[in-house]
Amino acid sequence: MRCSKAQYLIELKLDNELPEEKGKALKLHLRKCSQCRKYEAEARELQQLLCTYPVREFPSWLHNRILEETVKHERKRMLNGLIVRWQTIPALVAIVLSLMGGWALGKTAYSKINPLPENASVIYSNQASQTDSLNLVVFGESTLMEDLFYQTSEDYK
């Protein structure tokens, strides 16, 4: 048995918590090891000193104060939980408003940057009849043909 394990068992023995089967092994170790015997003697002496030391009385008011602080802490904890839950609503509103603003800005900015020509319906109908399905690209609600903007710019020259 190692001395560190024996010292742990000595502490259990002094607290009257040592099982019998380990008590026998501890006795065998104490017969052979002088350091552990010295540790046991010092621990026993310390325990006797602590037993003779007067125990201070627990103040009667302290129990009530602890309970009051516990109740205050519980109220604060519940209030913080409510605040955290309610903070998610403005965050969600901000996200929705930013998405809506971005969508509206993108819709108006795209038409200003890349406007469709006035005769776009004619161009669409002419090219729709002339193209095969491999050149057709679909973007959401509108359909654009391959090289549409290049052809329209050539038509205006």
N, C-alpha and C. Protein backbone atom coordinates (compact mmCIF):
# COMPACT_ATOMS: atom_id res chain seq x y z
N MET A 1 0.85 -1.17 0.00
CA MET A 1 0.00 0.00 0.00
C MET A 1 0.90 1.23 0.00
N ARG A 2 0.52 2.23 -0.75
CA ARG A 2 1.27 3.48 -0.80
C ARG A 2 0.94 4.33 0.41
N CYS A 3 1.87 5.19 0.75
CA CYS A 3 1.68 6.05 1.93
C CYS A 3 0.54 7.04 1.74
N SER A 4 0.35 7.53 0.51
CA SER A 4 -0.75 8.48 0.27
C SER A 4 -2.10 7.81 0.52
N LYS A 5 -2.23 6.55 0.10
CA LYS A 5 -3.47 5.81 0.34
C LYS A 5 -3.62 5.54 1.84
N ALA A 6 -2.52 5.21 2.51
CA ALA A 6 -2.57 4.94 3.95
C ALA A 6 -2.97 6.20 4.72
N GLN A 7 -2.48 7.36 4.31
CA GLN A 7 -2.85 8.61 4.99
C GLN A 7 -4.34 8.90 4.81
N TYR A 8 -4.85 8.61 3.63
CA TYR A 8 -6.29 8.78 3.40
C TYR A 8 -7.09 7.84 4.32
N LEU A 9 -6.63 6.59 4.43
CA LEU A 9 -7.32 5.63 5.30
C LEU A 9 -7.20 6.01 6.77
N ILE A 10 -6.08 6.62 7.16
CA ILE A 10 -5.92 7.09 8.54
C ILE A 10 -6.97 8.16 8.85
N GLU A 11 -7.18 9.06 7.89
CA GLU A 11 -8.20 10.10 8.09
C GLU A 11 -9.59 9.49 8.22
N LEU A 12 -9.86 8.46 7.41
CA LEU A 12 -11.16 7.77 7.54
C LEU A 12 -11.27 7.09 8.90
N LYS A 13 -10.18 6.50 9.37
CA LYS A 13 -10.18 5.81 10.66
C LYS A 13 -10.47 6.79 11.80
N LEU A 14 -9.86 7.98 11.76
CA LEU A 14 -10.09 8.97 12.81
C LEU A 14 -11.53 9.50 12.78
N ASP A 15 -12.15 9.45 11.61
CA ASP A 15 -13.55 9.88 11.50
C ASP A 15 -14.53 8.73 11.71
N ASN A 16 -14.01 7.55 12.06
CA ASN A 16 -14.82 6.34 12.27
C ASN A 16 -15.62 5.96 11.02
N GLU A 17 -14.97 6.09 9.86
CA GLU A 17 -15.63 5.74 8.60
C GLU A 17 -14.85 4.68 7.83
N LEU A 18 -13.88 4.08 8.44
CA LEU A 18 -13.03 3.12 7.76
C LEU A 18 -13.68 1.74 7.77
N PRO A 19 -13.86 1.11 6.61
CA PRO A 19 -14.39 -0.26 6.57
C PRO A 19 -13.39 -1.25 7.18
N GLU A 20 -13.90 -2.34 7.71
CA GLU A 20 -13.06 -3.32 8.43
C GLU A 20 -12.00 -3.94 7.53
N GLU A 21 -12.35 -4.30 6.30
CA GLU A 21 -11.38 -4.96 5.42
C GLU A 21 -10.20 -4.04 5.10
N LYS A 22 -10.45 -2.75 5.02
CA LYS A 22 -9.35 -1.82 4.76
C LYS A 22 -8.59 -1.50 6.04
N GLY A 23 -9.25 -1.67 7.18
CA GLY A 23 -8.60 -1.44 8.47
C GLY A 23 -7.47 -2.43 8.70
N LYS A 24 -7.66 -3.67 8.27
CA LYS A 24 -6.61 -4.69 8.42
C LYS A 24 -5.39 -4.34 7.55
N ALA A 25 -5.66 -3.91 6.34
CA ALA A 25 -4.55 -3.54 5.45
C ALA A 25 -3.81 -2.33 5.99
N LEU A 26 -4.54 -1.40 6.59
CA LEU A 26 -3.91 -0.22 7.17
C LEU A 26 -3.02 -0.61 8.35
N LYS A 27 -3.49 -1.53 9.20
CA LYS A 27 -2.68 -1.98 10.33
C LYS A 27 -1.37 -2.61 9.86
N LEU A 28 -1.45 -3.42 8.81
CA LEU A 28 -0.23 -4.04 8.27
C LEU A 28 0.75 -2.97 7.76
N HIS A 29 0.21 -1.95 7.10
CA HIS A 29 1.07 -0.89 6.58
C HIS A 29 1.68 -0.08 7.73
N LEU A 30 0.89 0.19 8.78
CA LEU A 30 1.39 0.99 9.90
C LEU A 30 2.50 0.25 10.65
N ARG A 31 2.49 -1.08 10.66
CA ARG A 31 3.56 -1.85 11.31
C ARG A 31 4.89 -1.66 10.59
N LYS A 32 4.82 -1.50 9.26
CA LYS A 32 6.04 -1.41 8.47
C LYS A 32 6.52 0.02 8.25
N CYS A 33 5.62 1.01 8.26
CA CYS A 33 5.97 2.37 7.84
C CYS A 33 5.98 3.33 9.03
N SER A 34 7.15 3.85 9.34
CA SER A 34 7.27 4.78 10.48
C SER A 34 6.70 6.16 10.14
N GLN A 35 6.79 6.58 8.88
CA GLN A 35 6.25 7.88 8.50
C GLN A 35 4.72 7.92 8.67
N CYS A 36 4.06 6.85 8.29
CA CYS A 36 2.60 6.81 8.43
C CYS A 36 2.19 6.73 9.90
N ARG A 37 3.00 6.04 10.73
CA ARG A 37 2.70 6.01 12.16
C ARG A 37 2.82 7.42 12.74
N LYS A 38 3.86 8.15 12.30
CA LYS A 38 4.03 9.53 12.75
C LYS A 38 2.85 10.39 12.29
N TYR A 39 2.42 10.19 11.02
CA TYR A 39 1.28 10.94 10.49
C TYR A 39 0.02 10.65 11.31
N GLU A 40 -0.17 9.37 11.67
CA GLU A 40 -1.35 9.00 12.46
C GLU A 40 -1.30 9.66 13.84
N ALA A 41 -0.13 9.69 14.47
CA ALA A 41 0.00 10.31 15.80
C ALA A 41 -0.29 11.80 15.73
N GLU A 42 0.23 12.47 14.69
CA GLU A 42 -0.02 13.91 14.55
C GLU A 42 -1.50 14.19 14.26
N ALA A 43 -2.11 13.35 13.44
CA ALA A 43 -3.52 13.54 13.12
C ALA A 43 -4.39 13.30 14.34
N ARG A 44 -4.03 12.31 15.15
CA ARG A 44 -4.78 12.04 16.38
C ARG A 44 -4.66 13.22 17.35
N GLU A 45 -3.44 13.77 17.46
CA GLU A 45 -3.22 14.92 18.34
C GLU A 45 -4.02 16.13 17.86
N LEU A 46 -4.04 16.35 16.55
CA LEU A 46 -4.81 17.46 15.99
C LEU A 46 -6.30 17.27 16.25
N GLN A 47 -6.77 16.06 16.12
CA GLN A 47 -8.19 15.79 16.37
C GLN A 47 -8.54 16.06 17.83
N GLN A 48 -7.67 15.70 18.76
CA GLN A 48 -7.93 15.96 20.17
C GLN A 48 -7.94 17.45 20.46
N LEU A 49 -7.04 18.20 19.83
CA LEU A 49 -7.03 19.66 20.01
C LEU A 49 -8.33 20.28 19.49
N LEU A 50 -8.77 19.80 18.37
CA LEU A 50 -10.00 20.35 17.80
C LEU A 50 -11.22 19.99 18.64
N CYS A 51 -11.19 18.82 19.26
CA CYS A 51 -12.33 18.42 20.11
C CYS A 51 -12.40 19.29 21.36
N THR A 52 -11.26 19.73 21.87
CA THR A 52 -11.27 20.56 23.07
C THR A 52 -11.57 22.03 22.76
N TYR A 53 -11.45 22.41 21.51
CA TYR A 53 -11.72 23.79 21.12
C TYR A 53 -13.22 24.07 21.25
N PRO A 54 -13.61 25.18 21.87
CA PRO A 54 -15.04 25.44 22.06
C PRO A 54 -15.73 25.73 20.72
N VAL A 55 -16.91 25.18 20.58
CA VAL A 55 -17.70 25.39 19.37
C VAL A 55 -18.52 26.66 19.54
N ARG A 56 -18.39 27.54 18.57
CA ARG A 56 -19.14 28.79 18.64
C ARG A 56 -20.60 28.53 18.31
N GLU A 57 -21.45 29.25 18.99
CA GLU A 57 -22.89 29.07 18.79
C GLU A 57 -23.32 29.78 17.51
N PHE A 58 -24.19 29.15 16.81
CA PHE A 58 -24.73 29.69 15.57
C PHE A 58 -25.70 30.82 15.91
N PRO A 59 -25.53 32.02 15.33
CA PRO A 59 -26.44 33.13 15.64
C PRO A 59 -27.86 32.82 15.16
N SER A 60 -28.83 33.14 15.99
CA SER A 60 -30.22 32.82 15.65
C SER A 60 -30.74 33.66 14.49
N TRP A 61 -30.26 34.88 14.35
CA TRP A 61 -30.74 35.76 13.29
C TRP A 61 -30.21 35.39 11.91
N LEU A 62 -29.11 34.63 11.87
CA LEU A 62 -28.46 34.33 10.60
C LEU A 62 -29.33 33.43 9.71
N HIS A 63 -30.04 32.50 10.30
CA HIS A 63 -30.89 31.59 9.52
C HIS A 63 -31.96 32.38 8.76
N ASN A 64 -32.63 33.30 9.45
CA ASN A 64 -33.67 34.10 8.79
C ASN A 64 -33.09 34.99 7.70
N ARG A 65 -31.91 35.52 7.95
CA ARG A 65 -31.29 36.39 6.95
C ARG A 65 -30.94 35.61 5.69
N ILE A 66 -30.47 34.40 5.87
CA ILE A 66 -30.14 33.56 4.71
C ILE A 66 -31.40 33.26 3.91
N LEU A 67 -32.49 32.95 4.59
CA LEU A 67 -33.75 32.68 3.88
C LEU A 67 -34.25 33.91 3.14
N GLU A 68 -34.14 35.09 3.75
CA GLU A 68 -34.57 36.32 3.08
C GLU A 68 -33.75 36.59 1.83
N GLU A 69 -32.45 36.40 1.93
CA GLU A 69 -31.58 36.62 0.77
C GLU A 69 -31.89 35.61 -0.34
N THR A 70 -32.24 34.40 0.05
CA THR A 70 -32.59 33.39 -0.94
C THR A 70 -33.84 33.80 -1.70
N VAL A 71 -34.84 34.32 -0.99
CA VAL A 71 -36.07 34.77 -1.64
C VAL A 71 -35.78 35.94 -2.57
N LYS A 72 -34.95 36.90 -2.14
CA LYS A 72 -34.59 38.04 -2.99
C LYS A 72 -33.88 37.56 -4.26
N HIS A 73 -32.97 36.63 -4.06
CA HIS A 73 -32.23 36.11 -5.21
C HIS A 73 -33.16 35.41 -6.19
N GLU A 74 -34.13 34.67 -5.68
CA GLU A 74 -35.08 33.97 -6.55
C GLU A 74 -35.91 34.96 -7.35
N ARG A 75 -36.33 36.06 -6.72
CA ARG A 75 -37.09 37.09 -7.44
C ARG A 75 -36.25 37.70 -8.56
N LYS A 76 -34.98 38.01 -8.25
CA LYS A 76 -34.10 38.59 -9.26
C LYS A 76 -33.89 37.61 -10.42
N ARG A 77 -33.75 36.35 -10.09
CA ARG A 77 -33.53 35.33 -11.12
C ARG A 77 -34.74 35.23 -12.05
N MET A 78 -35.93 35.26 -11.46
CA MET A 78 -37.15 35.19 -12.28
C MET A 78 -37.29 36.44 -13.14
N LEU A 79 -36.98 37.61 -12.57
CA LEU A 79 -37.08 38.86 -13.32
C LEU A 79 -36.08 38.87 -14.48
N ASN A 80 -34.88 38.40 -14.24
CA ASN A 80 -33.88 38.33 -15.31
C ASN A 80 -34.33 37.37 -16.41
N GLY A 81 -34.98 36.28 -16.04
CA GLY A 81 -35.49 35.35 -17.04
C GLY A 81 -36.56 36.00 -17.92
N LEU A 82 -37.44 36.79 -17.30
CA LEU A 82 -38.47 37.49 -18.07
C LEU A 82 -37.85 38.52 -19.00
N ILE A 83 -36.86 39.24 -18.50
CA ILE A 83 -36.21 40.26 -19.32
C ILE A 83 -35.55 39.62 -20.54
N VAL A 84 -34.88 38.51 -20.33
CA VAL A 84 -34.21 37.83 -21.44
C VAL A 84 -35.24 37.36 -22.46
N ARG A 85 -36.37 36.83 -21.99
CA ARG A 85 -37.41 36.38 -22.92
C ARG A 85 -38.00 37.54 -23.71
N TRP A 86 -38.22 38.67 -23.06
CA TRP A 86 -38.81 39.81 -23.74
C TRP A 86 -37.81 40.50 -24.66
N GLN A 87 -36.53 40.32 -24.44
CA GLN A 87 -35.54 40.94 -25.32
C GLN A 87 -35.48 40.27 -26.68
N THR A 88 -35.96 39.07 -26.79
CA THR A 88 -35.94 38.40 -28.09
C THR A 88 -36.94 39.02 -29.05
N ILE A 89 -38.02 39.60 -28.54
CA ILE A 89 -39.04 40.18 -29.42
C ILE A 89 -38.48 41.37 -30.20
N PRO A 90 -37.86 42.38 -29.55
CA PRO A 90 -37.29 43.47 -30.35
C PRO A 90 -36.21 42.99 -31.32
N ALA A 91 -35.47 41.98 -30.93
CA ALA A 91 -34.44 41.45 -31.84
C ALA A 91 -35.08 40.85 -33.08
N LEU A 92 -36.16 40.09 -32.90
CA LEU A 92 -36.85 39.51 -34.05
C LEU A 92 -37.48 40.59 -34.92
N VAL A 93 -38.05 41.61 -34.29
CA VAL A 93 -38.64 42.72 -35.05
C VAL A 93 -37.55 43.42 -35.86
N ALA A 94 -36.39 43.64 -35.27
CA ALA A 94 -35.29 44.29 -35.98
C ALA A 94 -34.84 43.45 -37.18
N ILE A 95 -34.78 42.14 -37.01
CA ILE A 95 -34.38 41.27 -38.11
C ILE A 95 -35.40 41.33 -39.24
N VAL A 96 -36.69 41.24 -38.89
CA VAL A 96 -37.74 41.29 -39.91
C VAL A 96 -37.72 42.62 -40.64
N LEU A 97 -37.60 43.73 -39.89
CA LEU A 97 -37.57 45.05 -40.53
C LEU A 97 -36.35 45.21 -41.43
N SER A 98 -35.20 44.69 -41.01
CA SER A 98 -34.01 44.80 -41.85
C SER A 98 -34.17 43.96 -43.12
N LEU A 99 -34.79 42.80 -43.02
CA LEU A 99 -35.03 41.98 -44.21
C LEU A 99 -35.99 42.68 -45.16
N MET A 100 -37.06 43.25 -44.60
CA MET A 100 -38.03 43.95 -45.44
C MET A 100 -37.39 45.18 -46.08
N GLY A 101 -36.60 45.92 -45.32
CA GLY A 101 -35.91 47.09 -45.87
C GLY A 101 -34.93 46.71 -46.95
N GLY A 102 -34.19 45.65 -46.74
CA GLY A 102 -33.24 45.17 -47.75
C GLY A 102 -33.94 44.72 -49.01
N TRP A 103 -35.07 44.04 -48.86
CA TRP A 103 -35.84 43.60 -50.03
C TRP A 103 -36.35 44.80 -50.81
N ALA A 104 -36.91 45.79 -50.11
CA ALA A 104 -37.44 46.98 -50.78
C ALA A 104 -36.32 47.77 -51.44
N LEU A 105 -35.20 47.92 -50.77
CA LEU A 105 -34.07 48.65 -51.34
C LEU A 105 -33.53 47.92 -52.57
N GLY A 106 -33.41 46.62 -52.47
CA GLY A 106 -32.92 45.84 -53.61
C GLY A 106 -33.85 45.91 -54.80
N LYS A 107 -35.15 45.91 -54.54
CA LYS A 107 -36.13 45.97 -55.63
C LYS A 107 -36.05 47.30 -56.36
N THR A 108 -35.95 48.40 -55.62
CA THR A 108 -35.88 49.72 -56.26
C THR A 108 -34.50 49.97 -56.86
N ALA A 109 -33.44 49.53 -56.20
CA ALA A 109 -32.09 49.79 -56.70
C ALA A 109 -31.82 49.00 -57.97
N TYR A 110 -32.31 47.78 -58.07
CA TYR A 110 -32.06 46.97 -59.26
C TYR A 110 -32.72 47.58 -60.48
N SER A 111 -33.94 48.09 -60.32
CA SER A 111 -34.62 48.67 -61.47
C SER A 111 -33.97 49.99 -61.88
N LYS A 112 -33.32 50.70 -60.98
CA LYS A 112 -32.63 51.95 -61.33
C LYS A 112 -31.28 51.66 -61.97
N ILE A 113 -30.58 50.65 -61.51
CA ILE A 113 -29.26 50.32 -62.03
C ILE A 113 -29.37 49.63 -63.38
N ASN A 114 -30.30 48.72 -63.51
CA ASN A 114 -30.43 47.91 -64.70
C ASN A 114 -31.88 47.96 -65.19
N PRO A 115 -32.34 49.10 -65.71
CA PRO A 115 -33.75 49.20 -66.09
C PRO A 115 -34.06 48.40 -67.35
N LEU A 116 -35.28 47.94 -67.44
CA LEU A 116 -35.73 47.23 -68.64
C LEU A 116 -36.05 48.26 -69.72
N PRO A 117 -35.79 47.94 -70.95
CA PRO A 117 -36.16 48.87 -72.02
C PRO A 117 -37.68 48.99 -72.14
N GLU A 118 -38.12 50.06 -72.80
CA GLU A 118 -39.56 50.29 -72.92
C GLU A 118 -40.23 49.21 -73.75
N ASN A 119 -39.53 48.66 -74.70
CA ASN A 119 -40.11 47.62 -75.55
C ASN A 119 -39.70 46.22 -75.07
N ALA A 120 -39.59 46.03 -73.78
CA ALA A 120 -39.15 44.74 -73.22
C ALA A 120 -40.12 43.63 -73.57
N SER A 121 -41.42 43.93 -73.60
CA SER A 121 -42.39 42.87 -73.91
C SER A 121 -42.22 42.38 -75.34
N VAL A 122 -41.89 43.28 -76.25
CA VAL A 122 -41.67 42.88 -77.64
C VAL A 122 -40.42 42.02 -77.74
N ILE A 123 -39.37 42.45 -77.04
CA ILE A 123 -38.12 41.70 -77.08
C ILE A 123 -38.33 40.31 -76.49
N TYR A 124 -39.05 40.25 -75.36
CA TYR A 124 -39.31 38.95 -74.73
C TYR A 124 -40.09 38.04 -75.66
N SER A 125 -41.12 38.57 -76.29
CA SER A 125 -41.95 37.72 -77.15
C SER A 125 -41.18 37.26 -78.38
N ASN A 126 -40.36 38.15 -78.97
CA ASN A 126 -39.58 37.76 -80.14
C ASN A 126 -38.55 36.69 -79.79
N GLN A 127 -37.86 36.89 -78.69
CA GLN A 127 -36.82 35.94 -78.32
C GLN A 127 -37.41 34.64 -77.78
N ALA A 128 -38.58 34.71 -77.17
CA ALA A 128 -39.19 33.49 -76.65
C ALA A 128 -39.58 32.57 -77.78
N SER A 129 -39.97 33.13 -78.90
CA SER A 129 -40.34 32.28 -80.02
C SER A 129 -39.10 31.76 -80.75
N GLN A 130 -37.96 32.46 -80.64
CA GLN A 130 -36.76 32.07 -81.39
C GLN A 130 -35.81 31.19 -80.58
N THR A 131 -35.97 31.08 -79.29
CA THR A 131 -34.98 30.37 -78.48
C THR A 131 -35.41 28.94 -78.19
N ASP A 132 -34.45 28.12 -77.92
CA ASP A 132 -34.78 26.78 -77.44
C ASP A 132 -34.71 26.80 -75.92
N SER A 133 -35.15 25.74 -75.29
CA SER A 133 -35.29 25.72 -73.83
C SER A 133 -33.95 25.72 -73.10
N LEU A 134 -32.84 25.41 -73.76
CA LEU A 134 -31.55 25.38 -73.09
C LEU A 134 -31.01 26.78 -72.80
N ASN A 135 -31.41 27.77 -73.58
CA ASN A 135 -30.93 29.13 -73.37
C ASN A 135 -31.80 29.91 -72.40
N LEU A 136 -32.87 29.33 -71.92
CA LEU A 136 -33.82 30.02 -71.06
C LEU A 136 -33.38 29.93 -69.60
N VAL A 137 -33.32 31.06 -68.95
CA VAL A 137 -32.94 31.11 -67.54
C VAL A 137 -34.07 31.77 -66.78
N VAL A 138 -34.50 31.17 -65.67
CA VAL A 138 -35.64 31.68 -64.92
C VAL A 138 -35.15 32.22 -63.59
N PHE A 139 -35.53 33.47 -63.27
CA PHE A 139 -35.21 34.10 -62.00
C PHE A 139 -36.51 34.48 -61.32
N GLY A 140 -37.03 33.66 -60.46
CA GLY A 140 -38.23 34.00 -59.70
C GLY A 140 -39.43 34.20 -60.60
N GLU A 141 -39.93 35.43 -60.66
CA GLU A 141 -41.14 35.72 -61.42
C GLU A 141 -40.84 36.16 -62.84
N SER A 142 -39.61 36.58 -63.13
CA SER A 142 -39.30 37.07 -64.48
C SER A 142 -38.42 36.07 -65.21
N THR A 143 -38.47 36.12 -66.53
CA THR A 143 -37.68 35.23 -67.36
C THR A 143 -36.73 36.08 -68.20
N LEU A 144 -35.47 35.73 -68.21
CA LEU A 144 -34.48 36.46 -68.99
C LEU A 144 -33.88 35.51 -70.02
N MET A 145 -33.66 36.03 -71.20
CA MET A 145 -33.04 35.23 -72.25
C MET A 145 -31.54 35.46 -72.23
N GLU A 146 -30.83 34.55 -72.83
CA GLU A 146 -29.39 34.68 -72.92
C GLU A 146 -29.05 35.91 -73.76
N ASP A 147 -28.14 36.73 -73.28
CA ASP A 147 -27.68 37.94 -73.96
C ASP A 147 -28.80 38.94 -74.21
N LEU A 148 -29.83 38.99 -73.37
CA LEU A 148 -30.94 39.92 -73.58
C LEU A 148 -30.47 41.36 -73.54
N PHE A 149 -29.67 41.68 -72.55
CA PHE A 149 -29.26 43.07 -72.39
C PHE A 149 -28.24 43.48 -73.46
N TYR A 150 -27.46 42.53 -73.95
CA TYR A 150 -26.53 42.86 -75.03
C TYR A 150 -27.30 43.15 -76.32
N GLN A 151 -28.34 42.37 -76.59
CA GLN A 151 -29.12 42.58 -77.80
C GLN A 151 -29.91 43.88 -77.73
N THR A 152 -30.46 44.20 -76.55
CA THR A 152 -31.23 45.45 -76.45
C THR A 152 -30.33 46.65 -76.61
N SER A 153 -29.10 46.57 -76.12
CA SER A 153 -28.19 47.70 -76.29
C SER A 153 -27.80 47.87 -77.75
N GLU A 154 -27.71 46.76 -78.49
CA GLU A 154 -27.41 46.85 -79.92
C GLU A 154 -28.60 47.41 -80.69
N ASP A 155 -29.83 47.14 -80.24
CA ASP A 155 -31.03 47.64 -80.92
C ASP A 155 -31.13 49.15 -80.80
N TYR A 156 -30.63 49.74 -79.74
CA TYR A 156 -30.75 51.18 -79.52
C TYR A 156 -29.66 51.96 -80.23
N LYS A 157 -28.65 51.28 -80.75
CA LYS A 157 -27.55 51.99 -81.42
C LYS A 157 -27.95 52.48 -82.77
